[in-house]
Amino acid sequence: MLGLKLPTDPRWVNIAEKNIAEILIDHAYCEQKAASSCISLIIQYPEREKLREVLMPVVSEEWAHFRMVIRELEKRGLALGKPRKDEYVIQLNASIRHGGTQEQQLGERLFINALIEARSCERFRILSLEIQDESLKKFYHELMISEAGHYVNFIDLAKEYLPAEYVKQRWNEWLEIEANIITNLEIRGDRVH
């Protein structure tokens, strides 16, 4: 369903499980950034009623996820710590196509958000199936379902503002870009992406 061209390296989950505190800290910041990104889109495109209508609930959900991850950290006696640089997102942002119409620029932002949600969903699925901690299995299963819905929201919004054929073509280009980024990123157990 997610359409990702390259699955996560199977070694990632084993490395992540050994560093679950670091994964949870990074995850908290991912949720905070997801909420912030949606807020930024709403502010940047205030005249887009459909965008506002779709993304306002996503902001609430992402912020609720942030609070859930914070509670998970607190249950484990862990502090949030400082935010980390997300090389995956940095490389996605560096791949944005500049120029074109305002709708195409909006599309670029929507595609990046869709990719981040799709990759998060895939990683949460792996964690929900593979890690030993039963409470975290359930935790990540619930989050996986939500992230899948968010991924769909962003693609549907792209179709709202851009021709379907353009969305299909550009989304396929983004999937190739993302696969190339994943191929060249170091496998790290302290990052969700």
N, C-alpha and C. Protein backbone atom coordinates (compact mmCIF):
# COMPACT_ATOMS: atom_id res chain seq x y z
N MET A 1 0.81 -1.19 0.00
CA MET A 1 0.00 0.00 0.00
C MET A 1 0.85 1.26 0.00
N LEU A 2 1.96 1.24 0.70
CA LEU A 2 2.76 2.45 0.84
C LEU A 2 3.51 2.79 -0.44
N GLY A 3 3.79 1.81 -1.26
CA GLY A 3 4.45 2.07 -2.52
C GLY A 3 5.93 2.37 -2.44
N LEU A 4 6.53 2.25 -1.26
CA LEU A 4 7.96 2.52 -1.14
C LEU A 4 8.73 1.55 -2.03
N LYS A 5 9.74 2.06 -2.71
CA LYS A 5 10.49 1.24 -3.67
C LYS A 5 11.53 0.35 -3.00
N LEU A 6 11.91 0.71 -1.78
CA LEU A 6 12.97 -0.02 -1.10
C LEU A 6 12.57 -0.25 0.35
N PRO A 7 12.48 -1.52 0.77
CA PRO A 7 12.14 -1.76 2.18
C PRO A 7 13.32 -1.41 3.08
N THR A 8 13.01 -1.19 4.34
CA THR A 8 14.04 -0.95 5.34
C THR A 8 14.94 -2.17 5.44
N ASP A 9 16.23 -1.94 5.57
CA ASP A 9 17.19 -3.02 5.76
C ASP A 9 16.78 -3.82 7.00
N PRO A 10 16.68 -5.15 6.89
CA PRO A 10 16.23 -5.95 8.03
C PRO A 10 17.11 -5.82 9.29
N ARG A 11 18.35 -5.39 9.11
CA ARG A 11 19.24 -5.20 10.27
C ARG A 11 18.80 -4.04 11.14
N TRP A 12 18.02 -3.09 10.56
CA TRP A 12 17.66 -1.89 11.30
C TRP A 12 16.92 -2.23 12.58
N VAL A 13 15.97 -3.13 12.55
CA VAL A 13 15.15 -3.40 13.74
C VAL A 13 16.00 -3.98 14.87
N ASN A 14 16.98 -4.80 14.55
CA ASN A 14 17.85 -5.37 15.60
C ASN A 14 18.71 -4.28 16.24
N ILE A 15 19.21 -3.39 15.41
CA ILE A 15 20.02 -2.28 15.93
C ILE A 15 19.13 -1.34 16.74
N ALA A 16 17.92 -1.06 16.22
CA ALA A 16 16.99 -0.16 16.91
C ALA A 16 16.58 -0.73 18.27
N GLU A 17 16.31 -2.02 18.32
CA GLU A 17 15.87 -2.62 19.58
C GLU A 17 16.94 -2.50 20.66
N LYS A 18 18.18 -2.55 20.28
CA LYS A 18 19.28 -2.40 21.24
C LYS A 18 19.43 -0.96 21.70
N ASN A 19 18.80 -0.04 20.97
CA ASN A 19 18.90 1.39 21.27
C ASN A 19 17.52 2.02 21.41
N ILE A 20 16.60 1.30 22.06
CA ILE A 20 15.21 1.74 22.08
C ILE A 20 15.03 3.10 22.73
N ALA A 21 15.86 3.43 23.71
CA ALA A 21 15.78 4.76 24.32
C ALA A 21 16.04 5.84 23.27
N GLU A 22 17.07 5.63 22.46
CA GLU A 22 17.41 6.61 21.41
C GLU A 22 16.31 6.67 20.35
N ILE A 23 15.73 5.53 20.01
CA ILE A 23 14.63 5.51 19.04
C ILE A 23 13.45 6.30 19.58
N LEU A 24 13.11 6.10 20.85
CA LEU A 24 11.98 6.82 21.43
C LEU A 24 12.22 8.33 21.46
N ILE A 25 13.44 8.73 21.77
CA ILE A 25 13.76 10.17 21.79
C ILE A 25 13.64 10.74 20.38
N ASP A 26 14.22 10.06 19.41
CA ASP A 26 14.13 10.53 18.03
C ASP A 26 12.67 10.53 17.57
N HIS A 27 11.95 9.51 17.95
CA HIS A 27 10.54 9.41 17.58
C HIS A 27 9.73 10.59 18.12
N ALA A 28 9.98 10.97 19.36
CA ALA A 28 9.27 12.12 19.94
C ALA A 28 9.47 13.35 19.07
N TYR A 29 10.71 13.60 18.68
CA TYR A 29 10.98 14.77 17.84
C TYR A 29 10.36 14.63 16.45
N CYS A 30 10.30 13.42 15.92
CA CYS A 30 9.65 13.21 14.62
C CYS A 30 8.17 13.61 14.69
N GLU A 31 7.51 13.24 15.78
CA GLU A 31 6.09 13.60 15.94
C GLU A 31 5.93 15.11 16.08
N GLN A 32 6.81 15.72 16.84
CA GLN A 32 6.75 17.19 17.00
C GLN A 32 6.97 17.88 15.66
N LYS A 33 7.93 17.40 14.88
CA LYS A 33 8.20 18.00 13.57
C LYS A 33 7.04 17.77 12.61
N ALA A 34 6.39 16.62 12.70
CA ALA A 34 5.24 16.35 11.83
C ALA A 34 4.11 17.33 12.11
N ALA A 35 3.84 17.58 13.39
CA ALA A 35 2.81 18.56 13.75
C ALA A 35 3.21 19.95 13.25
N SER A 36 4.47 20.32 13.46
CA SER A 36 4.96 21.63 13.02
C SER A 36 4.88 21.80 11.51
N SER A 37 5.19 20.74 10.78
CA SER A 37 5.14 20.79 9.33
C SER A 37 3.72 21.05 8.83
N CYS A 38 2.75 20.39 9.45
CA CYS A 38 1.34 20.61 9.07
C CYS A 38 0.91 22.04 9.39
N ILE A 39 1.32 22.52 10.55
CA ILE A 39 0.99 23.91 10.92
C ILE A 39 1.60 24.86 9.91
N SER A 40 2.82 24.61 9.52
CA SER A 40 3.51 25.45 8.54
C SER A 40 2.77 25.48 7.21
N LEU A 41 2.28 24.33 6.75
CA LEU A 41 1.52 24.27 5.50
C LEU A 41 0.23 25.08 5.61
N ILE A 42 -0.45 24.95 6.73
CA ILE A 42 -1.70 25.70 6.94
C ILE A 42 -1.43 27.20 6.91
N ILE A 43 -0.35 27.62 7.56
CA ILE A 43 0.00 29.05 7.61
C ILE A 43 0.46 29.56 6.24
N GLN A 44 1.23 28.74 5.53
CA GLN A 44 1.76 29.16 4.24
C GLN A 44 0.69 29.21 3.16
N TYR A 45 -0.35 28.38 3.30
CA TYR A 45 -1.41 28.32 2.29
C TYR A 45 -2.78 28.53 2.95
N PRO A 46 -3.01 29.68 3.56
CA PRO A 46 -4.23 29.90 4.34
C PRO A 46 -5.51 29.89 3.50
N GLU A 47 -5.37 30.16 2.21
CA GLU A 47 -6.56 30.21 1.35
C GLU A 47 -7.02 28.81 0.92
N ARG A 48 -6.24 27.79 1.21
CA ARG A 48 -6.56 26.41 0.80
C ARG A 48 -7.44 25.76 1.86
N GLU A 49 -8.74 25.89 1.68
CA GLU A 49 -9.69 25.40 2.70
C GLU A 49 -9.58 23.89 2.91
N LYS A 50 -9.47 23.14 1.82
CA LYS A 50 -9.39 21.68 1.93
C LYS A 50 -8.13 21.27 2.69
N LEU A 51 -7.03 21.95 2.42
CA LEU A 51 -5.78 21.67 3.11
C LEU A 51 -5.95 21.87 4.62
N ARG A 52 -6.57 23.00 4.98
CA ARG A 52 -6.82 23.30 6.40
C ARG A 52 -7.71 22.22 7.02
N GLU A 53 -8.78 21.90 6.32
CA GLU A 53 -9.75 20.93 6.81
C GLU A 53 -9.11 19.56 7.07
N VAL A 54 -8.20 19.15 6.17
CA VAL A 54 -7.55 17.85 6.29
C VAL A 54 -6.42 17.87 7.33
N LEU A 55 -5.65 18.95 7.35
CA LEU A 55 -4.43 18.95 8.17
C LEU A 55 -4.65 19.35 9.62
N MET A 56 -5.70 20.10 9.92
CA MET A 56 -5.91 20.47 11.33
C MET A 56 -6.07 19.22 12.21
N PRO A 57 -6.84 18.21 11.82
CA PRO A 57 -6.89 17.00 12.65
C PRO A 57 -5.55 16.26 12.71
N VAL A 58 -4.78 16.33 11.63
CA VAL A 58 -3.46 15.68 11.62
C VAL A 58 -2.55 16.36 12.64
N VAL A 59 -2.60 17.69 12.73
CA VAL A 59 -1.82 18.41 13.74
C VAL A 59 -2.16 17.87 15.13
N SER A 60 -3.44 17.75 15.39
CA SER A 60 -3.88 17.25 16.71
C SER A 60 -3.38 15.83 16.97
N GLU A 61 -3.49 14.98 15.95
CA GLU A 61 -3.03 13.59 16.11
C GLU A 61 -1.53 13.52 16.34
N GLU A 62 -0.77 14.28 15.53
CA GLU A 62 0.69 14.24 15.68
C GLU A 62 1.11 14.76 17.05
N TRP A 63 0.42 15.80 17.53
CA TRP A 63 0.77 16.31 18.85
C TRP A 63 0.38 15.31 19.93
N ALA A 64 -0.72 14.61 19.74
CA ALA A 64 -1.11 13.54 20.68
C ALA A 64 -0.06 12.43 20.66
N HIS A 65 0.47 12.12 19.49
CA HIS A 65 1.54 11.11 19.40
C HIS A 65 2.79 11.57 20.13
N PHE A 66 3.11 12.85 19.97
CA PHE A 66 4.26 13.40 20.69
C PHE A 66 4.08 13.18 22.20
N ARG A 67 2.88 13.49 22.70
CA ARG A 67 2.60 13.30 24.13
C ARG A 67 2.69 11.82 24.51
N MET A 68 2.21 10.93 23.62
CA MET A 68 2.29 9.49 23.89
C MET A 68 3.75 9.03 24.02
N VAL A 69 4.59 9.53 23.13
CA VAL A 69 6.00 9.11 23.16
C VAL A 69 6.68 9.69 24.41
N ILE A 70 6.32 10.92 24.77
CA ILE A 70 6.87 11.51 26.00
C ILE A 70 6.48 10.65 27.20
N ARG A 71 5.23 10.22 27.26
CA ARG A 71 4.79 9.35 28.37
C ARG A 71 5.57 8.04 28.38
N GLU A 72 5.84 7.51 27.20
CA GLU A 72 6.61 6.26 27.09
C GLU A 72 8.02 6.48 27.61
N LEU A 73 8.61 7.61 27.28
CA LEU A 73 9.94 7.94 27.80
C LEU A 73 9.90 8.05 29.33
N GLU A 74 8.89 8.76 29.84
CA GLU A 74 8.78 8.95 31.29
C GLU A 74 8.58 7.63 32.02
N LYS A 75 7.78 6.72 31.44
CA LYS A 75 7.58 5.39 32.04
C LYS A 75 8.89 4.66 32.21
N ARG A 76 9.81 4.94 31.30
CA ARG A 76 11.10 4.24 31.30
C ARG A 76 12.19 5.04 32.02
N GLY A 77 11.80 6.18 32.61
CA GLY A 77 12.77 7.00 33.31
C GLY A 77 13.77 7.69 32.40
N LEU A 78 13.34 7.98 31.17
CA LEU A 78 14.23 8.59 30.19
C LEU A 78 13.87 10.05 29.97
N ALA A 79 14.88 10.87 29.74
CA ALA A 79 14.67 12.29 29.44
C ALA A 79 14.59 12.48 27.93
N LEU A 80 13.91 13.53 27.52
CA LEU A 80 13.76 13.80 26.09
C LEU A 80 15.09 14.15 25.43
N GLY A 81 15.90 14.94 26.07
CA GLY A 81 17.18 15.31 25.45
C GLY A 81 17.00 16.30 24.33
N LYS A 82 18.07 16.54 23.61
CA LYS A 82 18.06 17.54 22.54
C LYS A 82 17.62 16.92 21.21
N PRO A 83 17.06 17.77 20.33
CA PRO A 83 16.68 17.25 19.00
C PRO A 83 17.91 16.83 18.21
N ARG A 84 17.68 15.91 17.30
CA ARG A 84 18.77 15.39 16.47
C ARG A 84 18.57 15.86 15.03
N LYS A 85 19.65 15.92 14.30
CA LYS A 85 19.58 16.25 12.89
C LYS A 85 19.04 15.01 12.15
N ASP A 86 18.02 15.21 11.33
CA ASP A 86 17.42 14.10 10.59
C ASP A 86 17.94 14.14 9.16
N GLU A 87 18.99 13.36 8.92
CA GLU A 87 19.66 13.36 7.61
C GLU A 87 18.70 12.94 6.50
N TYR A 88 17.78 12.05 6.80
CA TYR A 88 16.78 11.60 5.83
C TYR A 88 15.94 12.78 5.34
N VAL A 89 15.41 13.56 6.27
CA VAL A 89 14.56 14.70 5.92
C VAL A 89 15.39 15.80 5.25
N ILE A 90 16.61 15.99 5.70
CA ILE A 90 17.49 16.98 5.07
C ILE A 90 17.69 16.64 3.60
N GLN A 91 17.93 15.36 3.32
CA GLN A 91 18.15 14.95 1.93
C GLN A 91 16.86 15.03 1.10
N LEU A 92 15.72 14.71 1.71
CA LEU A 92 14.45 14.88 1.00
C LEU A 92 14.26 16.35 0.63
N ASN A 93 14.46 17.24 1.60
CA ASN A 93 14.29 18.67 1.35
C ASN A 93 15.25 19.19 0.28
N ALA A 94 16.44 18.62 0.22
CA ALA A 94 17.42 19.03 -0.79
C ALA A 94 17.00 18.58 -2.20
N SER A 95 16.05 17.67 -2.26
CA SER A 95 15.60 17.13 -3.55
C SER A 95 14.36 17.84 -4.10
N ILE A 96 13.88 18.85 -3.40
CA ILE A 96 12.70 19.58 -3.86
C ILE A 96 12.98 20.22 -5.21
N ARG A 97 12.02 20.09 -6.10
CA ARG A 97 12.09 20.75 -7.41
C ARG A 97 11.62 22.19 -7.22
N HIS A 98 12.49 23.14 -7.54
CA HIS A 98 12.16 24.56 -7.38
C HIS A 98 11.55 25.11 -8.67
N GLY A 99 10.82 26.19 -8.53
CA GLY A 99 10.17 26.78 -9.68
C GLY A 99 8.79 26.15 -9.89
N GLY A 100 8.21 26.43 -11.03
CA GLY A 100 6.88 25.91 -11.31
C GLY A 100 5.81 26.76 -10.65
N THR A 101 4.60 26.24 -10.65
CA THR A 101 3.47 26.97 -10.11
C THR A 101 3.43 26.86 -8.58
N GLN A 102 2.59 27.69 -7.99
CA GLN A 102 2.40 27.60 -6.54
C GLN A 102 1.85 26.23 -6.17
N GLU A 103 0.98 25.67 -7.01
CA GLU A 103 0.43 24.35 -6.75
C GLU A 103 1.52 23.28 -6.80
N GLN A 104 2.44 23.41 -7.75
CA GLN A 104 3.54 22.45 -7.83
C GLN A 104 4.46 22.55 -6.61
N GLN A 105 4.69 23.76 -6.13
CA GLN A 105 5.51 23.92 -4.91
C GLN A 105 4.79 23.32 -3.70
N LEU A 106 3.49 23.52 -3.61
CA LEU A 106 2.71 22.88 -2.55
C LEU A 106 2.82 21.36 -2.69
N GLY A 107 2.71 20.89 -3.92
CA GLY A 107 2.83 19.45 -4.16
C GLY A 107 4.14 18.89 -3.65
N GLU A 108 5.23 19.61 -3.87
CA GLU A 108 6.54 19.13 -3.38
C GLU A 108 6.51 18.92 -1.86
N ARG A 109 5.94 19.87 -1.16
CA ARG A 109 5.85 19.77 0.31
C ARG A 109 4.95 18.61 0.72
N LEU A 110 3.85 18.44 0.00
CA LEU A 110 2.93 17.35 0.32
C LEU A 110 3.58 15.99 0.06
N PHE A 111 4.33 15.88 -1.04
CA PHE A 111 5.01 14.62 -1.34
C PHE A 111 6.05 14.26 -0.29
N ILE A 112 6.81 15.25 0.16
CA ILE A 112 7.81 14.99 1.20
C ILE A 112 7.12 14.51 2.48
N ASN A 113 6.06 15.20 2.86
CA ASN A 113 5.33 14.77 4.06
C ASN A 113 4.77 13.36 3.89
N ALA A 114 4.26 13.05 2.71
CA ALA A 114 3.74 11.71 2.46
C ALA A 114 4.84 10.66 2.59
N LEU A 115 6.02 10.96 2.05
CA LEU A 115 7.13 10.02 2.15
C LEU A 115 7.55 9.78 3.60
N ILE A 116 7.65 10.85 4.35
CA ILE A 116 8.06 10.71 5.76
C ILE A 116 7.04 9.87 6.51
N GLU A 117 5.75 10.11 6.27
CA GLU A 117 4.71 9.32 6.93
C GLU A 117 4.75 7.87 6.48
N ALA A 118 4.96 7.63 5.19
CA ALA A 118 5.02 6.26 4.67
C ALA A 118 6.21 5.50 5.27
N ARG A 119 7.37 6.14 5.31
CA ARG A 119 8.56 5.48 5.86
C ARG A 119 8.38 5.25 7.36
N SER A 120 7.79 6.21 8.06
CA SER A 120 7.53 6.04 9.49
C SER A 120 6.58 4.87 9.71
N CYS A 121 5.54 4.81 8.90
CA CYS A 121 4.56 3.72 9.00
C CYS A 121 5.26 2.37 8.80
N GLU A 122 6.11 2.29 7.80
CA GLU A 122 6.83 1.05 7.54
C GLU A 122 7.73 0.68 8.71
N ARG A 123 8.43 1.65 9.27
CA ARG A 123 9.32 1.36 10.40
C ARG A 123 8.52 0.98 11.65
N PHE A 124 7.38 1.66 11.87
CA PHE A 124 6.55 1.32 13.03
C PHE A 124 6.00 -0.10 12.88
N ARG A 125 5.66 -0.48 11.66
CA ARG A 125 5.18 -1.85 11.42
C ARG A 125 6.27 -2.86 11.79
N ILE A 126 7.48 -2.60 11.36
CA ILE A 126 8.60 -3.50 11.67
C ILE A 126 8.76 -3.61 13.18
N LEU A 127 8.76 -2.48 13.87
CA LEU A 127 8.89 -2.50 15.33
C LEU A 127 7.74 -3.26 15.96
N SER A 128 6.52 -3.07 15.46
CA SER A 128 5.35 -3.74 16.06
C SER A 128 5.40 -5.25 15.87
N LEU A 129 6.11 -5.71 14.87
CA LEU A 129 6.19 -7.15 14.61
C LEU A 129 7.43 -7.81 15.19
N GLU A 130 8.52 -7.05 15.27
CA GLU A 130 9.81 -7.68 15.54
C GLU A 130 10.39 -7.49 16.94
N ILE A 131 10.07 -6.41 17.63
CA ILE A 131 10.74 -6.20 18.91
C ILE A 131 10.14 -7.09 19.99
N GLN A 132 10.90 -7.33 21.03
CA GLN A 132 10.49 -8.24 22.10
C GLN A 132 9.55 -7.59 23.11
N ASP A 133 9.69 -6.30 23.32
CA ASP A 133 8.90 -5.58 24.32
C ASP A 133 7.43 -5.55 23.89
N GLU A 134 6.58 -6.28 24.62
CA GLU A 134 5.17 -6.43 24.23
C GLU A 134 4.41 -5.11 24.27
N SER A 135 4.70 -4.26 25.25
CA SER A 135 3.97 -2.98 25.31
C SER A 135 4.35 -2.08 24.15
N LEU A 136 5.62 -2.13 23.74
CA LEU A 136 6.04 -1.33 22.58
C LEU A 136 5.50 -1.91 21.27
N LYS A 137 5.33 -3.21 21.22
CA LYS A 137 4.72 -3.81 20.02
C LYS A 137 3.34 -3.21 19.80
N LYS A 138 2.54 -3.18 20.85
CA LYS A 138 1.19 -2.63 20.75
C LYS A 138 1.23 -1.13 20.45
N PHE A 139 2.11 -0.42 21.13
CA PHE A 139 2.30 1.02 20.94
C PHE A 139 2.58 1.33 19.47
N TYR A 140 3.53 0.60 18.88
CA TYR A 140 3.92 0.88 17.50
C TYR A 140 2.88 0.38 16.50
N HIS A 141 2.12 -0.64 16.85
CA HIS A 141 1.03 -1.07 15.97
C HIS A 141 -0.01 0.04 15.83
N GLU A 142 -0.39 0.63 16.95
CA GLU A 142 -1.38 1.72 16.92
C GLU A 142 -0.86 2.91 16.12
N LEU A 143 0.39 3.25 16.30
CA LEU A 143 0.96 4.39 15.57
C LEU A 143 1.09 4.10 14.08
N MET A 144 1.38 2.85 13.74
CA MET A 144 1.50 2.45 12.33
C MET A 144 0.19 2.73 11.59
N ILE A 145 -0.92 2.39 12.19
CA ILE A 145 -2.23 2.59 11.57
C ILE A 145 -2.48 4.08 11.32
N SER A 146 -2.18 4.90 12.29
CA SER A 146 -2.37 6.34 12.17
C SER A 146 -1.49 6.93 11.08
N GLU A 147 -0.23 6.53 11.05
CA GLU A 147 0.70 7.07 10.05
C GLU A 147 0.27 6.72 8.64
N ALA A 148 -0.30 5.53 8.45
CA ALA A 148 -0.79 5.13 7.12
C ALA A 148 -1.89 6.09 6.67
N GLY A 149 -2.77 6.46 7.58
CA GLY A 149 -3.82 7.42 7.25
C GLY A 149 -3.27 8.77 6.88
N HIS A 150 -2.22 9.19 7.58
CA HIS A 150 -1.61 10.50 7.29
C HIS A 150 -0.97 10.50 5.90
N TYR A 151 -0.31 9.42 5.56
CA TYR A 151 0.31 9.29 4.24
C TYR A 151 -0.75 9.51 3.15
N VAL A 152 -1.89 8.85 3.31
CA VAL A 152 -2.99 8.98 2.35
C VAL A 152 -3.49 10.42 2.29
N ASN A 153 -3.60 11.09 3.43
CA ASN A 153 -4.04 12.48 3.47
C ASN A 153 -3.20 13.37 2.55
N PHE A 154 -1.89 13.22 2.63
CA PHE A 154 -1.00 14.07 1.85
C PHE A 154 -1.11 13.80 0.35
N ILE A 155 -1.23 12.52 -0.02
CA ILE A 155 -1.39 12.18 -1.44
C ILE A 155 -2.74 12.70 -1.95
N ASP A 156 -3.78 12.52 -1.16
CA ASP A 156 -5.10 13.02 -1.56
C ASP A 156 -5.11 14.53 -1.71
N LEU A 157 -4.40 15.23 -0.84
CA LEU A 157 -4.31 16.69 -0.97
C LEU A 157 -3.57 17.09 -2.25
N ALA A 158 -2.52 16.35 -2.58
CA ALA A 158 -1.81 16.63 -3.84
C ALA A 158 -2.77 16.50 -5.02
N LYS A 159 -3.62 15.47 -4.98
CA LYS A 159 -4.60 15.26 -6.06
C LYS A 159 -5.67 16.34 -6.06
N GLU A 160 -5.91 16.94 -4.93
CA GLU A 160 -6.88 18.04 -4.84
C GLU A 160 -6.39 19.27 -5.60
N TYR A 161 -5.08 19.52 -5.57
CA TYR A 161 -4.54 20.77 -6.11
C TYR A 161 -3.77 20.61 -7.42
N LEU A 162 -3.51 19.37 -7.82
CA LEU A 162 -2.73 19.13 -9.03
C LEU A 162 -3.42 18.07 -9.89
N PRO A 163 -3.18 18.08 -11.21
CA PRO A 163 -3.78 17.05 -12.06
C PRO A 163 -3.31 15.65 -11.66
N ALA A 164 -4.22 14.69 -11.75
CA ALA A 164 -3.94 13.31 -11.31
C ALA A 164 -2.70 12.73 -12.00
N GLU A 165 -2.56 12.99 -13.29
CA GLU A 165 -1.41 12.44 -14.03
C GLU A 165 -0.10 13.04 -13.52
N TYR A 166 -0.09 14.33 -13.22
CA TYR A 166 1.10 14.99 -12.67
C TYR A 166 1.45 14.37 -11.31
N VAL A 167 0.43 14.19 -10.47
CA VAL A 167 0.65 13.60 -9.14
C VAL A 167 1.26 12.21 -9.28
N LYS A 168 0.71 11.41 -10.17
CA LYS A 168 1.21 10.04 -10.37
C LYS A 168 2.67 10.05 -10.82
N GLN A 169 2.98 10.90 -11.80
CA GLN A 169 4.34 10.96 -12.32
C GLN A 169 5.32 11.49 -11.28
N ARG A 170 4.97 12.59 -10.64
CA ARG A 170 5.90 13.20 -9.67
C ARG A 170 6.04 12.32 -8.44
N TRP A 171 4.96 11.66 -8.01
CA TRP A 171 5.05 10.76 -6.86
C TRP A 171 6.01 9.62 -7.17
N ASN A 172 5.95 9.07 -8.38
CA ASN A 172 6.87 8.00 -8.76
C ASN A 172 8.31 8.49 -8.76
N GLU A 173 8.52 9.73 -9.21
CA GLU A 173 9.87 10.31 -9.15
C GLU A 173 10.33 10.43 -7.70
N TRP A 174 9.43 10.89 -6.82
CA TRP A 174 9.78 11.02 -5.40
C TRP A 174 10.09 9.66 -4.78
N LEU A 175 9.36 8.63 -5.16
CA LEU A 175 9.63 7.29 -4.63
C LEU A 175 11.04 6.82 -5.03
N GLU A 176 11.45 7.14 -6.24
CA GLU A 176 12.81 6.79 -6.69
C GLU A 176 13.86 7.59 -5.91
N ILE A 177 13.60 8.88 -5.73
CA ILE A 177 14.51 9.73 -4.96
C ILE A 177 14.66 9.18 -3.54
N GLU A 178 13.53 8.84 -2.92
CA GLU A 178 13.54 8.34 -1.54
C GLU A 178 14.30 7.02 -1.45
N ALA A 179 14.10 6.13 -2.41
CA ALA A 179 14.82 4.85 -2.40
C ALA A 179 16.32 5.07 -2.50
N ASN A 180 16.73 6.02 -3.31
CA ASN A 180 18.15 6.34 -3.45
C ASN A 180 18.71 6.90 -2.13
N ILE A 181 17.93 7.74 -1.46
CA ILE A 181 18.36 8.29 -0.17
C ILE A 181 18.52 7.16 0.84
N ILE A 182 17.52 6.27 0.93
CA ILE A 182 17.58 5.15 1.88
C ILE A 182 18.77 4.25 1.58
N THR A 183 19.05 4.01 0.31
CA THR A 183 20.18 3.16 -0.09
C THR A 183 21.50 3.72 0.45
N ASN A 184 21.62 5.03 0.45
CA ASN A 184 22.90 5.65 0.80
C ASN A 184 23.00 6.12 2.25
N LEU A 185 21.92 5.98 3.01
CA LEU A 185 21.99 6.38 4.42
C LEU A 185 22.58 5.25 5.27
N GLU A 186 23.37 5.64 6.23
CA GLU A 186 23.91 4.69 7.19
C GLU A 186 22.76 4.10 8.02
N ILE A 187 22.81 2.80 8.30
CA ILE A 187 21.81 2.17 9.15
C ILE A 187 22.13 2.55 10.59
N ARG A 188 21.20 3.26 11.22
CA ARG A 188 21.45 3.74 12.58
C ARG A 188 20.32 3.29 13.49
N GLY A 189 20.69 2.91 14.67
CA GLY A 189 19.72 2.48 15.67
C GLY A 189 19.23 3.59 16.56
N ASP A 190 19.65 4.80 16.26
CA ASP A 190 19.21 5.92 17.09
C ASP A 190 18.32 6.89 16.32
N ARG A 191 17.82 6.43 15.18
CA ARG A 191 16.95 7.26 14.35
C ARG A 191 15.78 6.44 13.85
N VAL A 192 14.62 7.07 13.75
CA VAL A 192 13.47 6.40 13.17
C VAL A 192 13.67 6.28 11.66
N HIS A 193 14.24 7.32 11.02
CA HIS A 193 14.45 7.28 9.57
C HIS A 193 15.92 7.01 9.26
